[in-house]
Amino acid sequence: MITTFEPFFERHGSKAVFLGRWILGLRVWASWLAGITHMEWRRFLLWNALGGISWAVTVGVAAYVIGDRADSVFRTIAGVALALALLSGIALLTARRYGAANR
């Protein structure tokens, strides 16, 4: 089975290690397969570091941007949720009132 991964890692090992940082589960498997197939350690170290750095920067920037905008998003959602709750309450009271009157 391991011999089937050797040609793959010869051609796509760098991409697999780099992209493995982005895909849950593949992160561990790409590292193990790189070692099992005897990928050159310098090449592995370079692409693993580049993948890790780019993943960390992307997640950090995305979290910052989302966090920066979260306040306005939460205020909008809270306003909409309050309006829906009020409308639902009015609809429920109206349905009970007219339902009781028709009995």
Protein backbone atom coordinates (compact mmCIF):
# COMPACT_ATOMS: atom_id res chain seq x y z
CA MET A 1 0.00 0.00 0.00
CA ILE A 2 2.80 2.41 0.84
CA THR A 3 4.37 1.89 -2.56
CA THR A 4 1.23 3.34 -4.14
CA PHE A 5 1.82 6.65 -2.35
CA GLU A 6 5.46 6.98 -3.39
CA PRO A 7 4.75 8.03 -7.00
CA PHE A 8 2.05 10.41 -5.76
CA PHE A 9 4.42 12.04 -3.27
CA GLU A 10 7.17 12.23 -5.89
CA ARG A 11 4.89 14.35 -8.09
CA HIS A 12 2.51 16.03 -5.62
CA GLY A 13 4.16 15.79 -2.22
CA SER A 14 4.83 19.49 -1.84
CA LYS A 15 1.25 20.39 -2.75
CA ALA A 16 -0.14 17.69 -0.45
CA VAL A 17 1.89 18.93 2.52
CA PHE A 18 1.03 22.59 1.83
CA LEU A 19 -2.70 22.00 1.24
CA GLY A 20 -2.79 19.47 4.06
CA ARG A 21 -2.57 22.38 6.50
CA TRP A 22 -5.92 23.62 5.21
CA ILE A 23 -7.92 20.38 5.21
CA LEU A 24 -8.91 18.81 8.53
CA GLY A 25 -7.57 15.28 8.80
CA LEU A 26 -5.26 15.61 5.82
CA ARG A 27 -2.90 17.69 7.98
CA VAL A 28 -1.86 14.61 9.96
CA TRP A 29 -1.97 12.15 7.08
CA ALA A 30 0.13 14.31 4.76
CA SER A 31 2.87 14.52 7.37
CA TRP A 32 2.83 10.78 8.04
CA LEU A 33 2.82 9.91 4.35
CA ALA A 34 5.66 12.34 3.69
CA GLY A 35 7.74 10.51 6.27
CA ILE A 36 6.72 7.03 5.17
CA THR A 37 7.53 7.78 1.52
CA HIS A 38 10.88 9.33 2.53
CA MET A 39 10.11 12.80 1.23
CA GLU A 40 13.24 14.96 1.47
CA TRP A 41 13.07 16.63 4.89
CA ARG A 42 14.11 20.06 3.62
CA ARG A 43 11.34 20.04 1.04
CA PHE A 44 8.87 18.84 3.66
CA LEU A 45 10.01 21.49 6.16
CA LEU A 46 9.72 24.29 3.58
CA TRP A 47 6.20 23.38 2.37
CA ASN A 48 4.94 22.49 5.84
CA ALA A 49 6.16 25.85 7.20
CA LEU A 50 4.71 27.78 4.25
CA GLY A 51 1.39 25.98 4.64
CA GLY A 52 1.30 26.59 8.38
CA ILE A 53 2.19 30.26 8.07
CA SER A 54 -0.33 30.92 5.30
CA TRP A 55 -3.06 29.04 7.21
CA ALA A 56 -2.35 30.99 10.41
CA VAL A 57 -2.32 34.35 8.60
CA THR A 58 -5.57 33.57 6.78
CA VAL A 59 -7.37 32.39 9.92
CA GLY A 60 -6.04 35.35 11.91
CA VAL A 61 -7.09 37.92 9.32
CA ALA A 62 -10.49 36.28 8.84
CA ALA A 63 -11.11 36.21 12.59
CA TYR A 64 -10.08 39.86 12.91
CA VAL A 65 -12.31 40.99 10.04
CA ILE A 66 -15.27 38.94 11.27
CA GLY A 67 -14.72 40.13 14.84
CA ASP A 68 -14.48 43.73 13.72
CA ARG A 69 -17.82 43.48 11.96
CA ALA A 70 -19.48 41.23 14.56
CA ASP A 71 -20.85 44.11 16.61
CA SER A 72 -22.88 45.55 13.74
CA VAL A 73 -23.96 42.08 12.61
CA PHE A 74 -25.12 41.12 16.12
CA ARG A 75 -27.03 44.39 16.49
CA THR A 76 -28.80 43.75 13.18
CA ILE A 77 -29.58 40.16 14.11
CA ALA A 78 -30.81 41.23 17.56
CA GLY A 79 -33.16 43.80 16.00
CA VAL A 80 -34.56 41.28 13.54
CA ALA A 81 -34.92 38.62 16.27
CA LEU A 82 -36.74 41.07 18.54
CA ALA A 83 -39.11 42.05 15.73
CA LEU A 84 -39.81 38.36 14.94
CA ALA A 85 -40.40 37.59 18.61
CA LEU A 86 -42.87 40.48 18.92
CA LEU A 87 -44.70 39.48 15.73
CA SER A 88 -44.83 35.86 16.88
CA GLY A 89 -46.20 36.91 20.26
CA ILE A 90 -48.87 39.10 18.66
CA ALA A 91 -49.80 36.29 16.26
CA LEU A 92 -50.06 33.80 19.13
CA LEU A 93 -52.21 36.09 21.25
CA THR A 94 -54.45 36.87 18.28
CA ALA A 95 -54.84 33.18 17.43
CA ARG A 96 -55.72 32.33 21.05
CA ARG A 97 -58.21 35.14 21.31
CA TYR A 98 -60.03 34.28 18.09
CA GLY A 99 -59.69 30.56 18.73
CA ALA A 100 -61.32 30.89 22.15
CA ALA A 101 -64.09 33.08 20.73
CA ASN A 102 -65.01 30.44 18.12
CA ARG A 103 -65.43 27.62 20.62
